[in-house]
């Protein structure tokens, strides 16, 4: 069933859309965009908690997603199974489940949502677009992307409440 959806997505490929999807997926590559976003935000007093929330979420997600879940599930990527599909990006070398691009994107976007609803909604749209690009590019299954989105959301929520709790304890000690 997942392959049916992926093959349908292949029918949507257009010369103008292909480079857009490659560019969008690049934003999620190794989490660089989200690491940069979190670092810049952590450097400013006003957005320090948000920056740290993003960076901590990314670290937790990297450990859970890349060091635990991918090796445990050993899920093959669709492009490894159907090698006849011509890829627009290099074939990834790590396992498929969960999508790391989507995981990192949702960790950052949900973190932003907690601090700024307007920007958070925009970043959630970007995170969703990055996840979709992984399907369009035939490097992930839909359940990989769904798992990345759900896990990223859960990690961001947990980190947000942890930071909130630590800030409350810190402010109680100073009073």
N, C-alpha and C. Protein backbone atom coordinates (compact mmCIF):
# COMPACT_ATOMS: atom_id res chain seq x y z
N UNK A 1 0.82 -1.19 0.00
CA UNK A 1 0.00 0.00 0.00
C UNK A 1 0.87 1.28 0.00
N UNK A 2 1.97 1.23 0.77
CA UNK A 2 2.86 2.40 0.80
C UNK A 2 3.52 2.61 -0.56
N UNK A 3 3.90 1.52 -1.21
CA UNK A 3 4.49 1.66 -2.54
C UNK A 3 3.48 2.24 -3.52
N UNK A 4 2.22 1.87 -3.40
CA UNK A 4 1.19 2.41 -4.30
C UNK A 4 1.16 3.93 -4.20
N UNK A 5 1.21 4.44 -2.97
CA UNK A 5 1.21 5.89 -2.77
C UNK A 5 2.49 6.51 -3.35
N UNK A 6 3.63 5.88 -3.09
CA UNK A 6 4.90 6.41 -3.60
C UNK A 6 4.94 6.43 -5.12
N UNK A 7 4.41 5.38 -5.74
CA UNK A 7 4.37 5.34 -7.21
C UNK A 7 3.44 6.42 -7.75
N UNK A 8 2.35 6.68 -7.05
CA UNK A 8 1.46 7.75 -7.45
C UNK A 8 2.19 9.10 -7.38
N UNK A 9 2.97 9.29 -6.30
CA UNK A 9 3.74 10.52 -6.18
C UNK A 9 4.74 10.67 -7.33
N UNK A 10 5.32 9.57 -7.76
CA UNK A 10 6.24 9.63 -8.90
C UNK A 10 5.55 10.17 -10.14
N UNK A 11 4.26 9.90 -10.28
CA UNK A 11 3.51 10.40 -11.45
C UNK A 11 3.32 11.91 -11.39
N UNK A 12 3.53 12.51 -10.21
CA UNK A 12 3.38 13.96 -10.05
C UNK A 12 4.65 14.73 -10.39
N UNK A 13 5.75 14.03 -10.59
CA UNK A 13 7.02 14.71 -10.87
C UNK A 13 6.89 15.59 -12.11
N UNK A 14 7.41 16.79 -11.97
CA UNK A 14 7.44 17.77 -13.05
C UNK A 14 8.82 18.42 -13.06
N UNK A 15 9.30 18.85 -14.25
CA UNK A 15 10.62 19.48 -14.32
C UNK A 15 10.76 20.71 -13.42
N UNK A 16 9.70 21.46 -13.21
CA UNK A 16 9.78 22.65 -12.37
C UNK A 16 9.68 22.30 -10.89
N UNK A 17 9.01 21.18 -10.56
CA UNK A 17 8.79 20.80 -9.17
C UNK A 17 9.96 20.00 -8.59
N UNK A 18 10.63 19.23 -9.42
CA UNK A 18 11.74 18.40 -8.94
C UNK A 18 12.82 19.21 -8.21
N UNK A 19 13.33 20.31 -8.79
CA UNK A 19 14.36 21.06 -8.07
C UNK A 19 13.83 21.73 -6.79
N UNK A 20 12.56 22.05 -6.78
CA UNK A 20 11.96 22.63 -5.56
C UNK A 20 12.01 21.59 -4.44
N UNK A 21 11.64 20.37 -4.74
CA UNK A 21 11.64 19.30 -3.73
C UNK A 21 13.06 18.98 -3.26
N UNK A 22 14.01 19.00 -4.18
CA UNK A 22 15.41 18.77 -3.79
C UNK A 22 15.87 19.87 -2.85
N UNK A 23 15.51 21.11 -3.14
CA UNK A 23 15.90 22.24 -2.28
C UNK A 23 15.23 22.14 -0.92
N UNK A 24 13.96 21.78 -0.90
CA UNK A 24 13.23 21.66 0.37
C UNK A 24 13.83 20.55 1.22
N UNK A 25 14.13 19.42 0.62
CA UNK A 25 14.69 18.32 1.39
C UNK A 25 16.08 18.68 1.92
N UNK A 26 16.82 19.52 1.20
CA UNK A 26 18.14 19.96 1.64
C UNK A 26 18.06 20.71 2.97
N UNK A 27 16.97 21.41 3.22
CA UNK A 27 16.81 22.13 4.49
C UNK A 27 16.84 21.17 5.69
N UNK A 28 16.42 19.94 5.47
CA UNK A 28 16.42 18.96 6.56
C UNK A 28 17.67 18.11 6.63
N UNK A 29 18.57 18.29 5.69
CA UNK A 29 19.79 17.47 5.60
C UNK A 29 20.66 17.65 6.85
N UNK A 30 20.88 16.57 7.57
CA UNK A 30 21.71 16.54 8.78
C UNK A 30 21.26 17.58 9.81
N UNK A 31 20.03 18.06 9.67
CA UNK A 31 19.48 19.01 10.62
C UNK A 31 20.13 20.37 10.60
N UNK A 32 20.94 20.68 9.58
CA UNK A 32 21.74 21.91 9.57
C UNK A 32 20.88 23.16 9.74
N UNK A 33 19.76 23.23 9.04
CA UNK A 33 18.90 24.42 9.11
C UNK A 33 18.34 24.60 10.51
N UNK A 34 17.95 23.50 11.12
CA UNK A 34 17.35 23.55 12.46
C UNK A 34 18.42 23.82 13.52
N UNK A 35 19.59 23.26 13.34
CA UNK A 35 20.70 23.53 14.27
C UNK A 35 21.06 25.02 14.20
N UNK A 36 21.16 25.55 12.99
CA UNK A 36 21.46 26.96 12.82
C UNK A 36 20.36 27.83 13.45
N UNK A 37 19.11 27.48 13.20
CA UNK A 37 17.99 28.22 13.78
C UNK A 37 18.06 28.21 15.30
N UNK A 38 18.25 27.03 15.88
CA UNK A 38 18.33 26.92 17.33
C UNK A 38 19.51 27.68 17.91
N UNK A 39 20.63 27.63 17.23
CA UNK A 39 21.84 28.33 17.70
C UNK A 39 21.64 29.84 17.68
N UNK A 40 21.10 30.36 16.59
CA UNK A 40 20.85 31.80 16.50
C UNK A 40 19.88 32.24 17.59
N UNK A 41 18.81 31.47 17.78
CA UNK A 41 17.83 31.83 18.80
C UNK A 41 18.42 31.73 20.21
N UNK A 42 19.29 30.76 20.45
CA UNK A 42 19.90 30.60 21.77
C UNK A 42 20.87 31.74 22.10
N UNK A 43 21.37 32.40 21.08
CA UNK A 43 22.31 33.51 21.30
C UNK A 43 21.63 34.80 21.71
N UNK A 44 20.34 34.90 21.54
CA UNK A 44 19.60 36.12 21.89
C UNK A 44 18.88 35.91 23.23
N UNK A 45 19.01 36.86 24.11
CA UNK A 45 18.40 36.76 25.44
C UNK A 45 16.89 36.48 25.36
N UNK A 46 16.21 37.19 24.49
CA UNK A 46 14.76 37.10 24.39
C UNK A 46 14.28 35.72 23.92
N UNK A 47 15.09 35.03 23.11
CA UNK A 47 14.67 33.75 22.53
C UNK A 47 15.55 32.58 23.01
N UNK A 48 16.29 32.81 24.07
CA UNK A 48 17.24 31.80 24.55
C UNK A 48 16.57 30.46 24.87
N UNK A 49 15.47 30.50 25.60
CA UNK A 49 14.78 29.24 25.95
C UNK A 49 14.32 28.49 24.71
N UNK A 50 13.79 29.22 23.74
CA UNK A 50 13.36 28.58 22.49
C UNK A 50 14.55 27.95 21.78
N UNK A 51 15.65 28.68 21.68
CA UNK A 51 16.84 28.13 21.03
C UNK A 51 17.31 26.85 21.70
N UNK A 52 17.35 26.89 23.04
CA UNK A 52 17.77 25.69 23.77
C UNK A 52 16.75 24.56 23.61
N UNK A 53 15.47 24.90 23.56
CA UNK A 53 14.45 23.86 23.35
C UNK A 53 14.67 23.16 22.02
N UNK A 54 14.97 23.93 20.98
CA UNK A 54 15.23 23.34 19.67
C UNK A 54 16.48 22.46 19.72
N UNK A 55 17.55 22.99 20.25
CA UNK A 55 18.82 22.25 20.26
C UNK A 55 18.75 20.98 21.11
N UNK A 56 18.10 21.07 22.26
CA UNK A 56 17.96 19.88 23.12
C UNK A 56 17.07 18.85 22.42
N UNK A 57 15.98 19.30 21.82
CA UNK A 57 15.10 18.38 21.10
C UNK A 57 15.85 17.68 19.97
N UNK A 58 16.65 18.44 19.24
CA UNK A 58 17.42 17.84 18.14
C UNK A 58 18.40 16.80 18.65
N UNK A 59 19.05 17.07 19.77
CA UNK A 59 20.00 16.11 20.34
C UNK A 59 19.28 14.84 20.78
N UNK A 60 18.17 15.00 21.48
CA UNK A 60 17.40 13.83 21.93
C UNK A 60 16.91 13.03 20.74
N UNK A 61 16.39 13.74 19.73
CA UNK A 61 15.88 13.06 18.53
C UNK A 61 16.96 12.33 17.76
N UNK A 62 18.16 12.91 17.71
CA UNK A 62 19.27 12.24 17.02
C UNK A 62 19.61 10.93 17.70
N UNK A 63 19.63 10.95 19.02
CA UNK A 63 19.95 9.72 19.76
C UNK A 63 18.84 8.69 19.58
N UNK A 64 17.60 9.10 19.82
CA UNK A 64 16.49 8.14 19.72
C UNK A 64 16.30 7.66 18.29
N UNK A 65 16.26 8.59 17.34
CA UNK A 65 15.99 8.22 15.95
C UNK A 65 17.13 7.50 15.28
N UNK A 66 18.32 8.11 15.32
CA UNK A 66 19.46 7.56 14.57
C UNK A 66 20.22 6.47 15.30
N UNK A 67 20.33 6.58 16.61
CA UNK A 67 21.14 5.62 17.36
C UNK A 67 20.34 4.44 17.91
N UNK A 68 19.03 4.62 18.06
CA UNK A 68 18.21 3.55 18.63
C UNK A 68 17.26 2.96 17.57
N UNK A 69 16.33 3.77 17.08
CA UNK A 69 15.26 3.23 16.23
C UNK A 69 15.73 2.74 14.87
N UNK A 70 16.55 3.51 14.18
CA UNK A 70 17.01 3.06 12.86
C UNK A 70 17.75 1.72 12.94
N UNK A 71 18.71 1.56 13.87
CA UNK A 71 19.38 0.26 13.97
C UNK A 71 18.46 -0.88 14.45
N UNK A 72 17.49 -0.57 15.29
CA UNK A 72 16.58 -1.61 15.79
C UNK A 72 15.67 -2.10 14.66
N UNK A 73 15.08 -1.17 13.92
CA UNK A 73 14.11 -1.56 12.88
C UNK A 73 14.76 -2.01 11.58
N UNK A 74 15.94 -1.54 11.26
CA UNK A 74 16.65 -1.94 10.02
C UNK A 74 15.74 -1.87 8.80
N UNK A 75 14.90 -0.89 8.74
CA UNK A 75 13.95 -0.82 7.63
C UNK A 75 14.64 -0.34 6.36
N UNK A 76 14.46 -1.10 5.32
CA UNK A 76 15.00 -0.74 4.01
C UNK A 76 14.25 0.48 3.47
N UNK A 77 14.93 1.26 2.69
CA UNK A 77 14.30 2.41 2.04
C UNK A 77 13.62 1.96 0.74
N UNK A 78 12.59 2.71 0.31
CA UNK A 78 11.94 2.31 -0.94
C UNK A 78 12.91 2.30 -2.13
N UNK A 79 13.86 3.23 -2.13
CA UNK A 79 14.82 3.29 -3.24
C UNK A 79 15.81 2.13 -3.22
N UNK A 80 15.95 1.46 -2.08
CA UNK A 80 16.80 0.27 -2.00
C UNK A 80 16.05 -0.95 -2.50
N UNK A 81 14.75 -0.93 -2.33
CA UNK A 81 13.92 -2.08 -2.72
C UNK A 81 13.61 -2.02 -4.21
N UNK A 82 13.18 -0.85 -4.68
CA UNK A 82 12.92 -0.67 -6.11
C UNK A 82 14.05 0.20 -6.68
N UNK A 83 15.08 -0.43 -7.12
CA UNK A 83 16.27 0.29 -7.61
C UNK A 83 16.08 0.83 -9.02
N UNK A 84 14.93 0.55 -9.62
CA UNK A 84 14.66 1.04 -10.97
C UNK A 84 14.23 2.50 -11.00
N UNK A 85 13.86 3.04 -9.85
CA UNK A 85 13.44 4.44 -9.80
C UNK A 85 14.68 5.32 -9.81
N UNK A 86 14.71 6.29 -10.70
CA UNK A 86 15.83 7.22 -10.79
C UNK A 86 15.66 8.29 -9.73
N UNK A 87 16.63 8.38 -8.83
CA UNK A 87 16.55 9.32 -7.72
C UNK A 87 17.06 10.70 -8.14
N UNK A 88 16.46 11.72 -7.53
CA UNK A 88 16.88 13.10 -7.75
C UNK A 88 17.92 13.54 -6.72
N UNK A 89 18.11 12.71 -5.70
CA UNK A 89 19.10 12.96 -4.65
C UNK A 89 19.92 11.68 -4.49
N UNK A 90 21.03 11.78 -3.80
CA UNK A 90 21.83 10.59 -3.53
C UNK A 90 21.05 9.64 -2.64
N UNK A 91 21.25 8.36 -2.89
CA UNK A 91 20.58 7.37 -2.06
C UNK A 91 21.16 7.41 -0.65
N UNK A 92 20.30 7.61 0.36
CA UNK A 92 20.81 7.64 1.73
C UNK A 92 21.44 6.31 2.11
N UNK A 93 22.36 6.36 3.05
CA UNK A 93 23.07 5.14 3.44
C UNK A 93 22.59 4.57 4.77
N UNK A 94 21.77 5.33 5.50
CA UNK A 94 21.24 4.81 6.76
C UNK A 94 19.84 4.24 6.55
N UNK A 95 19.33 3.57 7.57
CA UNK A 95 18.02 2.95 7.45
C UNK A 95 16.91 3.99 7.42
N UNK A 96 15.71 3.54 7.11
CA UNK A 96 14.60 4.43 6.76
C UNK A 96 13.72 4.88 7.91
N UNK A 97 13.57 4.06 8.95
CA UNK A 97 12.57 4.34 9.99
C UNK A 97 13.21 4.78 11.28
N UNK A 98 12.85 5.97 11.77
CA UNK A 98 11.94 6.98 11.23
C UNK A 98 12.70 7.95 10.33
N UNK A 99 11.96 8.82 9.67
CA UNK A 99 12.59 9.84 8.82
C UNK A 99 13.28 10.87 9.71
N UNK A 100 14.60 10.96 9.60
CA UNK A 100 15.36 11.92 10.39
C UNK A 100 15.08 13.35 9.98
N UNK A 101 14.90 13.59 8.69
CA UNK A 101 14.55 14.93 8.21
C UNK A 101 13.26 15.42 8.86
N UNK A 102 12.27 14.53 8.88
CA UNK A 102 10.96 14.89 9.43
C UNK A 102 11.04 15.01 10.94
N UNK A 103 11.75 14.11 11.57
CA UNK A 103 11.92 14.14 13.03
C UNK A 103 12.50 15.48 13.47
N UNK A 104 13.62 15.87 12.90
CA UNK A 104 14.27 17.13 13.27
C UNK A 104 13.37 18.33 12.95
N UNK A 105 12.71 18.28 11.82
CA UNK A 105 11.86 19.40 11.41
C UNK A 105 10.70 19.61 12.37
N UNK A 106 10.07 18.52 12.79
CA UNK A 106 8.95 18.65 13.72
C UNK A 106 9.41 19.01 15.13
N UNK A 107 10.57 18.54 15.53
CA UNK A 107 11.11 18.96 16.83
C UNK A 107 11.26 20.47 16.87
N UNK A 108 11.85 21.03 15.84
CA UNK A 108 12.07 22.48 15.80
C UNK A 108 10.76 23.24 15.63
N UNK A 109 9.93 22.81 14.71
CA UNK A 109 8.68 23.54 14.44
C UNK A 109 7.74 23.54 15.64
N UNK A 110 7.61 22.42 16.31
CA UNK A 110 6.74 22.35 17.48
C UNK A 110 7.33 23.19 18.61
N UNK A 111 8.64 23.17 18.75
CA UNK A 111 9.28 24.03 19.75
C UNK A 111 8.95 25.49 19.49
N UNK A 112 9.05 25.91 18.24
CA UNK A 112 8.74 27.29 17.87
C UNK A 112 7.28 27.60 18.16
N UNK A 113 6.40 26.65 17.88
CA UNK A 113 4.97 26.84 18.12
C UNK A 113 4.67 27.18 19.58
N UNK A 114 5.39 26.58 20.50
CA UNK A 114 5.17 26.85 21.92
C UNK A 114 5.49 28.31 22.28
N UNK A 115 6.41 28.90 21.58
CA UNK A 115 6.86 30.25 21.92
C UNK A 115 6.24 31.35 21.06
N UNK A 116 5.85 30.97 19.82
CA UNK A 116 5.28 31.96 18.91
C UNK A 116 4.34 31.24 17.95
N UNK A 117 3.04 31.38 18.19
CA UNK A 117 2.05 30.64 17.42
C UNK A 117 2.12 30.94 15.92
N UNK A 118 2.25 32.21 15.57
CA UNK A 118 2.27 32.60 14.16
C UNK A 118 3.47 31.98 13.43
N UNK A 119 4.66 32.15 14.00
CA UNK A 119 5.85 31.56 13.40
C UNK A 119 5.80 30.04 13.47
N UNK A 120 5.26 29.52 14.55
CA UNK A 120 5.17 28.07 14.70
C UNK A 120 4.35 27.41 13.62
N UNK A 121 3.22 28.03 13.27
CA UNK A 121 2.38 27.48 12.21
C UNK A 121 3.14 27.49 10.88
N UNK A 122 3.85 28.57 10.61
CA UNK A 122 4.63 28.65 9.37
C UNK A 122 5.72 27.57 9.35
N UNK A 123 6.40 27.39 10.48
CA UNK A 123 7.45 26.37 10.53
C UNK A 123 6.87 24.95 10.50
N UNK A 124 5.67 24.75 11.04
CA UNK A 124 5.02 23.44 10.91
C UNK A 124 4.70 23.14 9.45
N UNK A 125 4.29 24.16 8.71
CA UNK A 125 4.05 23.97 7.27
C UNK A 125 5.36 23.58 6.57
N UNK A 126 6.45 24.26 6.92
CA UNK A 126 7.75 23.92 6.34
C UNK A 126 8.15 22.50 6.72
N UNK A 127 7.97 22.14 7.99
CA UNK A 127 8.31 20.78 8.45
C UNK A 127 7.51 19.73 7.67
N UNK A 128 6.24 20.00 7.46
CA UNK A 128 5.40 19.08 6.70
C UNK A 128 5.87 18.97 5.25
N UNK A 129 6.26 20.09 4.69
CA UNK A 129 6.76 20.13 3.31
C UNK A 129 8.07 19.34 3.20
N UNK A 130 8.93 19.46 4.20
CA UNK A 130 10.18 18.69 4.21
C UNK A 130 9.86 17.20 4.28
N UNK A 131 8.94 16.82 5.16
CA UNK A 131 8.54 15.42 5.25
C UNK A 131 7.97 14.91 3.94
N UNK A 132 7.11 15.71 3.32
CA UNK A 132 6.53 15.33 2.03
C UNK A 132 7.61 15.17 0.97
N UNK A 133 8.62 16.02 1.01
CA UNK A 133 9.69 15.94 0.01
C UNK A 133 10.40 14.60 0.08
N UNK A 134 10.49 14.02 1.27
CA UNK A 134 11.16 12.73 1.42
C UNK A 134 10.37 11.62 0.70
N UNK A 135 9.05 11.76 0.68
CA UNK A 135 8.20 10.81 -0.04
C UNK A 135 8.31 11.05 -1.54
N UNK A 136 8.21 12.29 -1.92
CA UNK A 136 8.30 12.69 -3.33
C UNK A 136 9.61 12.20 -3.95
N UNK A 137 10.68 12.26 -3.17
CA UNK A 137 12.00 11.86 -3.66
C UNK A 137 12.26 10.36 -3.57
N UNK A 138 11.27 9.62 -3.07
CA UNK A 138 11.30 8.15 -3.04
C UNK A 138 12.38 7.59 -2.11
N UNK A 139 12.67 8.32 -1.03
CA UNK A 139 13.69 7.85 -0.09
C UNK A 139 13.11 7.42 1.25
N UNK A 140 11.80 7.62 1.45
CA UNK A 140 11.12 7.20 2.67
C UNK A 140 9.74 6.67 2.35
N UNK A 141 9.26 5.80 3.23
CA UNK A 141 7.88 5.35 3.19
C UNK A 141 7.01 6.33 3.97
N UNK A 142 5.71 6.39 3.68
CA UNK A 142 4.83 7.28 4.45
C UNK A 142 4.88 7.04 5.96
N UNK A 143 4.99 5.79 6.38
CA UNK A 143 5.04 5.53 7.82
C UNK A 143 6.34 6.01 8.45
N UNK A 144 7.41 6.09 7.69
CA UNK A 144 8.67 6.67 8.20
C UNK A 144 8.47 8.15 8.52
N UNK A 145 7.80 8.84 7.59
CA UNK A 145 7.57 10.27 7.75
C UNK A 145 6.57 10.52 8.89
N UNK A 146 5.52 9.71 8.93
CA UNK A 146 4.54 9.84 10.01
C UNK A 146 5.20 9.62 11.37
N UNK A 147 6.01 8.59 11.48
CA UNK A 147 6.71 8.31 12.74
C UNK A 147 7.65 9.45 13.11
N UNK A 148 8.36 10.00 12.13
CA UNK A 148 9.24 11.14 12.39
C UNK A 148 8.47 12.34 12.92
N UNK A 149 7.30 12.61 12.31
CA UNK A 149 6.48 13.74 12.74
C UNK A 149 5.95 13.52 14.16
N UNK A 150 5.46 12.34 14.44
CA UNK A 150 4.91 12.06 15.77
C UNK A 150 5.99 12.05 16.84
N UNK A 151 7.11 11.41 16.55
CA UNK A 151 8.20 11.36 17.52
C UNK A 151 8.79 12.76 17.74
N UNK A 152 8.97 13.51 16.66
CA UNK A 152 9.49 14.87 16.78
C UNK A 152 8.57 15.75 17.61
N UNK A 153 7.28 15.61 17.40
CA UNK A 153 6.29 16.37 18.18
C UNK A 153 6.38 15.99 19.65
N UNK A 154 6.42 14.69 19.92
CA UNK A 154 6.49 14.22 21.31
C UNK A 154 7.75 14.69 22.03
N UNK A 155 8.87 14.64 21.35
CA UNK A 155 10.13 15.08 21.95
C UNK A 155 10.08 16.58 22.23
N UNK A 156 9.59 17.36 21.28
CA UNK A 156 9.51 18.82 21.47
C UNK A 156 8.60 19.17 22.64
N UNK A 157 7.48 18.47 22.76
CA UNK A 157 6.56 18.72 23.88
C UNK A 157 7.25 18.39 25.20
N UNK A 158 7.90 17.25 25.27
CA UNK A 158 8.58 16.84 26.51
C UNK A 158 9.68 17.83 26.89
N UNK A 159 10.47 18.24 25.92
CA UNK A 159 11.56 19.19 26.19
C UNK A 159 10.99 20.53 26.63
N UNK A 160 9.93 20.97 25.98
CA UNK A 160 9.31 22.25 26.37
C UNK A 160 8.90 22.22 27.85
N UNK A 161 8.21 21.17 28.25
CA UNK A 161 7.74 21.10 29.63
C UNK A 161 8.90 20.92 30.61
N UNK A 162 9.94 20.24 30.19
CA UNK A 162 11.13 20.11 31.04
C UNK A 162 11.78 21.48 31.27
N UNK A 163 11.95 22.24 30.20
CA UNK A 163 12.54 23.58 30.32
C UNK A 163 11.65 24.47 31.18
N UNK A 164 10.35 24.38 30.97
CA UNK A 164 9.40 25.18 31.76
C UNK A 164 9.52 24.84 33.25
N UNK A 165 9.61 23.56 33.53
CA UNK A 165 9.73 23.11 34.93
C UNK A 165 11.06 23.58 35.53
N UNK A 166 12.14 23.47 34.79
CA UNK A 166 13.44 23.93 35.28
C UNK A 166 13.45 25.44 35.51
N UNK A 167 12.80 26.19 34.63
CA UNK A 167 12.71 27.63 34.80
C UNK A 167 11.90 28.00 36.04
N UNK A 168 10.83 27.25 36.30
CA UNK A 168 10.02 27.49 37.50
C UNK A 168 10.83 27.23 38.77
N UNK A 169 11.59 26.13 38.77
CA UNK A 169 12.42 25.82 39.93
C UNK A 169 13.49 26.88 40.13
N UNK A 170 14.06 27.34 39.01
CA UNK A 170 15.11 28.36 39.07
C UNK A 170 14.56 29.68 39.62
N UNK A 171 13.37 30.05 39.16
CA UNK A 171 12.80 31.32 39.63
C UNK A 171 12.35 31.22 41.09
N UNK A 172 11.98 30.04 41.55
CA UNK A 172 11.62 29.85 42.96
C UNK A 172 12.83 29.98 43.87
N UNK A 173 13.98 29.55 43.38
CA UNK A 173 15.22 29.63 44.17
C UNK A 173 15.70 31.06 44.30
N UNK A 174 15.45 31.90 43.28
CA UNK A 174 15.93 33.28 43.31
C UNK A 174 15.03 34.19 44.11
N UNK A 175 13.83 33.74 44.45
CA UNK A 175 12.92 34.58 45.23
C UNK A 175 12.96 34.28 46.70
